[in-house]
């Protein structure tokens, strides 16, 4: 996540790729949260196939979304850590290839995963399955990656490291050279701007679900 950074001071010391990479990693994980979409209306997006009677201990659930989506149920979670980072993976059971659809689920609470069939939208929703048939509608969230800013930021960071290194080399051969200071300051400014751009271009948005009795 974004951390407060101390002002960059242009000093004539040799920057390293490791330092630049570390700074980029500390800033590059920033995301901009967006408010979730409004609750979807209690109106299905299309006709629903007629389903057989649910077996004992299960109930029928009509699953729909604001845009066509694949739906799966989370049946387990695998968590761990590697390389200093936490990792989480979900075990999924496919339910339907495209919404709207009808499924039979055991009574109880189920976590569903939605994935748009035509774009980056998706999200998780929770369904409480009771004895009576119900409808669950979901407005997909959207996690969007715009690579323009991060790509330009990477170029600026790399160019800044090179420029600062050139400035160090000039300073060693001619300490009185004004070009050394200009290269050093310009290099650090490029690194700073590049790190800001690396942190842009990513937004995250959770979806919104609503459940109501089947008509």
Protein backbone atom coordinates (compact mmCIF):
# COMPACT_ATOMS: atom_id res chain seq x y z
CA UNK A 1 0.00 0.00 0.00
CA UNK A 2 1.05 3.63 -0.34
CA UNK A 3 3.46 4.74 2.38
CA UNK A 4 4.54 8.24 3.25
CA UNK A 5 7.81 8.97 1.47
CA UNK A 6 10.45 11.40 2.69
CA UNK A 7 11.28 14.23 0.26
CA UNK A 8 13.86 13.12 -2.29
CA UNK A 9 17.12 15.03 -1.74
CA UNK A 10 19.56 15.12 -4.64
CA UNK A 11 22.83 13.88 -3.23
CA UNK A 12 25.79 12.78 -5.29
CA UNK A 13 25.80 9.12 -4.38
CA UNK A 14 25.44 6.27 -6.76
CA UNK A 15 21.86 4.95 -6.94
CA UNK A 16 21.31 1.26 -7.37
CA UNK A 17 18.77 -0.76 -9.32
CA UNK A 18 17.96 -2.59 -6.07
CA UNK A 19 17.05 0.67 -4.34
CA UNK A 20 14.86 1.75 -7.26
CA UNK A 21 13.17 -1.64 -7.40
CA UNK A 22 12.52 -1.55 -3.65
CA UNK A 23 10.96 1.90 -3.86
CA UNK A 24 8.87 0.88 -6.85
CA UNK A 25 7.62 -2.17 -5.00
CA UNK A 26 6.68 -0.08 -1.96
CA UNK A 27 4.65 2.35 -4.08
CA UNK A 28 3.47 0.14 -6.92
CA UNK A 29 0.96 -1.82 -4.85
CA UNK A 30 -1.29 1.22 -4.48
CA UNK A 31 -4.88 0.83 -5.61
CA UNK A 32 -7.75 3.28 -5.81
CA UNK A 33 -10.93 1.83 -4.25
CA UNK A 34 -14.18 2.69 -6.01
CA UNK A 35 -17.63 2.61 -4.36
CA UNK A 36 -19.59 -0.59 -5.09
CA UNK A 37 -22.29 -0.46 -7.79
CA UNK A 38 -25.93 0.12 -6.77
CA UNK A 39 -28.00 -2.86 -5.69
CA UNK A 40 -29.44 -4.56 -8.79
CA UNK A 41 -33.16 -4.40 -9.44
CA UNK A 42 -35.42 -7.38 -8.72
CA UNK A 43 -35.80 -8.06 -12.44
CA UNK A 44 -34.10 -10.95 -14.23
CA UNK A 45 -31.94 -10.14 -17.23
CA UNK A 46 -33.44 -12.93 -19.34
CA UNK A 47 -35.48 -16.14 -19.35
CA UNK A 48 -34.44 -18.88 -16.94
CA UNK A 49 -34.48 -22.58 -17.86
CA UNK A 50 -37.04 -24.68 -16.02
CA UNK A 51 -35.24 -26.65 -13.31
CA UNK A 52 -36.11 -30.01 -11.83
CA UNK A 53 -37.33 -30.21 -8.24
CA UNK A 54 -34.47 -29.82 -5.80
CA UNK A 55 -33.49 -33.01 -3.94
CA UNK A 56 -34.01 -33.28 -0.16
CA UNK A 57 -31.74 -30.99 1.82
CA UNK A 58 -31.27 -28.63 -1.11
CA UNK A 59 -33.12 -25.69 -2.63
CA UNK A 60 -33.35 -24.01 -6.02
CA UNK A 61 -31.56 -20.68 -6.51
CA UNK A 62 -31.88 -18.54 -9.62
CA UNK A 63 -28.54 -16.80 -10.13
CA UNK A 64 -28.38 -13.69 -12.29
CA UNK A 65 -26.06 -10.72 -12.84
CA UNK A 66 -26.12 -7.32 -14.50
CA UNK A 67 -23.87 -8.66 -17.29
CA UNK A 68 -23.47 -12.30 -18.39
CA UNK A 69 -21.05 -14.06 -16.06
CA UNK A 70 -19.67 -17.47 -15.17
CA UNK A 71 -20.48 -18.57 -11.63
CA UNK A 72 -18.63 -20.94 -9.31
CA UNK A 73 -18.91 -21.86 -5.64
CA UNK A 74 -16.00 -21.54 -3.24
CA UNK A 75 -15.54 -24.97 -1.67
CA UNK A 76 -12.23 -24.37 0.10
CA UNK A 77 -9.41 -21.92 0.65
CA UNK A 78 -5.67 -22.62 0.60
CA UNK A 79 -3.49 -20.04 2.37
CA UNK A 80 0.26 -19.83 2.78
CA UNK A 81 3.32 -17.64 2.47
CA UNK A 82 6.22 -17.57 0.03
CA UNK A 83 9.03 -15.09 -0.47
CA UNK A 84 7.74 -12.88 2.32
CA UNK A 85 4.30 -12.57 0.73
CA UNK A 86 1.04 -14.13 1.81
CA UNK A 87 -0.75 -16.23 -0.79
CA UNK A 88 -4.38 -17.30 -0.99
CA UNK A 89 -6.04 -19.63 -3.45
CA UNK A 90 -9.67 -20.72 -3.67
CA UNK A 91 -10.99 -24.14 -4.58
CA UNK A 92 -13.94 -23.64 -6.90
CA UNK A 93 -16.82 -25.77 -8.11
CA UNK A 94 -18.35 -24.51 -11.39
CA UNK A 95 -22.10 -23.87 -11.18
CA UNK A 96 -23.07 -22.32 -14.52
CA UNK A 97 -21.36 -21.07 -17.66
CA UNK A 98 -23.48 -17.96 -18.06
CA UNK A 99 -26.14 -16.14 -16.09
CA UNK A 100 -29.07 -16.32 -15.66
CA UNK A 101 -29.19 -19.94 -14.52
CA UNK A 102 -30.82 -22.18 -11.91
CA UNK A 103 -28.82 -24.31 -9.49
CA UNK A 104 -29.58 -26.59 -6.56
CA UNK A 105 -27.56 -25.84 -3.42
CA UNK A 106 -27.57 -27.46 0.02
CA UNK A 107 -29.29 -25.46 2.74
CA UNK A 108 -26.90 -23.02 4.37
CA UNK A 109 -24.53 -20.23 3.39
CA UNK A 110 -22.53 -20.37 0.15
CA UNK A 111 -19.90 -18.02 -1.28
CA UNK A 112 -20.17 -17.54 -5.04
CA UNK A 113 -17.57 -16.18 -7.45
CA UNK A 114 -18.72 -14.23 -10.51
CA UNK A 115 -16.54 -13.66 -13.57
CA UNK A 116 -17.74 -11.64 -16.54
CA UNK A 117 -17.76 -13.58 -19.81
CA UNK A 118 -16.89 -10.44 -21.81
CA UNK A 119 -14.70 -8.19 -19.65
CA UNK A 120 -12.72 -7.68 -16.44
CA UNK A 121 -15.73 -7.55 -14.09
CA UNK A 122 -16.32 -10.01 -11.29
CA UNK A 123 -16.56 -10.42 -7.55
CA UNK A 124 -17.75 -12.54 -4.64
CA UNK A 125 -21.30 -12.82 -3.32
CA UNK A 126 -22.87 -14.68 -0.39
CA UNK A 127 -26.10 -16.65 -0.71
CA UNK A 128 -28.16 -17.91 2.23
CA UNK A 129 -30.05 -20.95 0.95
CA UNK A 130 -33.27 -21.76 2.77
CA UNK A 131 -36.12 -24.24 2.19
CA UNK A 132 -37.87 -21.91 -0.27
CA UNK A 133 -36.59 -21.15 -3.76
CA UNK A 134 -34.91 -17.77 -4.12
CA UNK A 135 -33.26 -15.41 -6.59
CA UNK A 136 -29.77 -13.96 -6.19
CA UNK A 137 -28.83 -11.05 -8.45
CA UNK A 138 -25.34 -9.60 -8.54
CA UNK A 139 -23.94 -6.35 -9.93
CA UNK A 140 -20.35 -7.13 -10.87
CA UNK A 141 -17.49 -5.07 -9.51
CA UNK A 142 -14.53 -4.16 -11.63
CA UNK A 143 -10.78 -4.34 -11.08
CA UNK A 144 -9.19 -2.43 -13.92
CA UNK A 145 -5.54 -2.20 -14.87
CA UNK A 146 -4.36 0.67 -17.06
CA UNK A 147 -0.79 -0.14 -18.07
CA UNK A 148 -0.01 3.23 -19.65
CA UNK A 149 1.05 4.97 -16.44
CA UNK A 150 3.05 2.06 -14.97
CA UNK A 151 4.82 1.45 -18.30
CA UNK A 152 5.89 5.09 -18.55
CA UNK A 153 6.82 5.06 -14.87
CA UNK A 154 9.13 2.09 -15.39
CA UNK A 155 10.88 3.88 -18.25
CA UNK A 156 11.33 7.00 -16.13
CA UNK A 157 12.71 5.06 -13.16
CA UNK A 158 15.19 3.22 -15.38
CA UNK A 159 16.18 6.42 -17.17
CA UNK A 160 16.53 8.23 -13.86
CA UNK A 161 18.84 5.56 -12.48
CA UNK A 162 20.99 5.77 -15.62
CA UNK A 163 21.07 9.60 -15.54
CA UNK A 164 22.01 9.68 -11.87
CA UNK A 165 24.75 7.14 -12.53
CA UNK A 166 26.09 9.29 -15.36
CA UNK A 167 26.11 12.26 -13.03
CA UNK A 168 28.14 10.32 -10.49
CA UNK A 169 30.66 9.38 -13.18
CA UNK A 170 31.01 13.00 -14.33
CA UNK A 171 31.38 14.18 -10.73
CA UNK A 172 34.22 11.75 -10.11
CA UNK A 173 36.16 12.91 -13.15
CA UNK A 174 35.36 16.62 -12.70
CA UNK A 175 33.89 17.60 -9.29
CA UNK A 176 33.36 21.19 -10.45
CA UNK A 177 31.24 20.22 -13.46
CA UNK A 178 27.73 21.68 -13.47
CA UNK A 179 26.65 18.84 -15.75
CA UNK A 180 27.17 16.33 -12.93
CA UNK A 181 24.74 18.13 -10.64
CA UNK A 182 22.19 18.58 -13.42
CA UNK A 183 22.34 14.88 -14.33
CA UNK A 184 22.02 13.85 -10.69
CA UNK A 185 19.08 16.12 -9.92
CA UNK A 186 17.36 15.23 -13.19
CA UNK A 187 17.87 11.53 -12.53
CA UNK A 188 16.31 11.67 -9.06
CA UNK A 189 13.40 13.78 -10.32
CA UNK A 190 12.76 11.18 -13.05
CA UNK A 191 12.87 8.38 -10.46
CA UNK A 192 10.39 10.22 -8.23
CA UNK A 193 7.96 10.88 -11.09
CA UNK A 194 8.35 7.31 -12.31
CA UNK A 195 7.44 5.92 -8.89
CA UNK A 196 4.30 8.06 -8.82
CA UNK A 197 3.26 6.74 -12.24
CA UNK A 198 3.95 3.17 -11.15
CA UNK A 199 1.35 3.64 -8.43
CA UNK A 200 -1.38 4.80 -10.82
CA UNK A 201 -3.72 3.03 -13.18
CA UNK A 202 -5.25 0.41 -10.89
CA UNK A 203 -8.67 0.57 -9.32
CA UNK A 204 -10.60 -2.02 -7.35
CA UNK A 205 -14.35 -2.29 -6.84
CA UNK A 206 -16.41 -4.87 -5.00
CA UNK A 207 -19.71 -6.09 -6.42
CA UNK A 208 -23.19 -5.80 -4.88
CA UNK A 209 -25.64 -8.67 -4.45
CA UNK A 210 -29.29 -8.93 -3.46
CA UNK A 211 -31.37 -12.01 -2.63
CA UNK A 212 -35.15 -12.25 -2.63
CA UNK A 213 -37.87 -14.95 -2.81
CA UNK A 214 -38.43 -16.53 -6.20
CA UNK A 215 -41.68 -15.40 -7.88
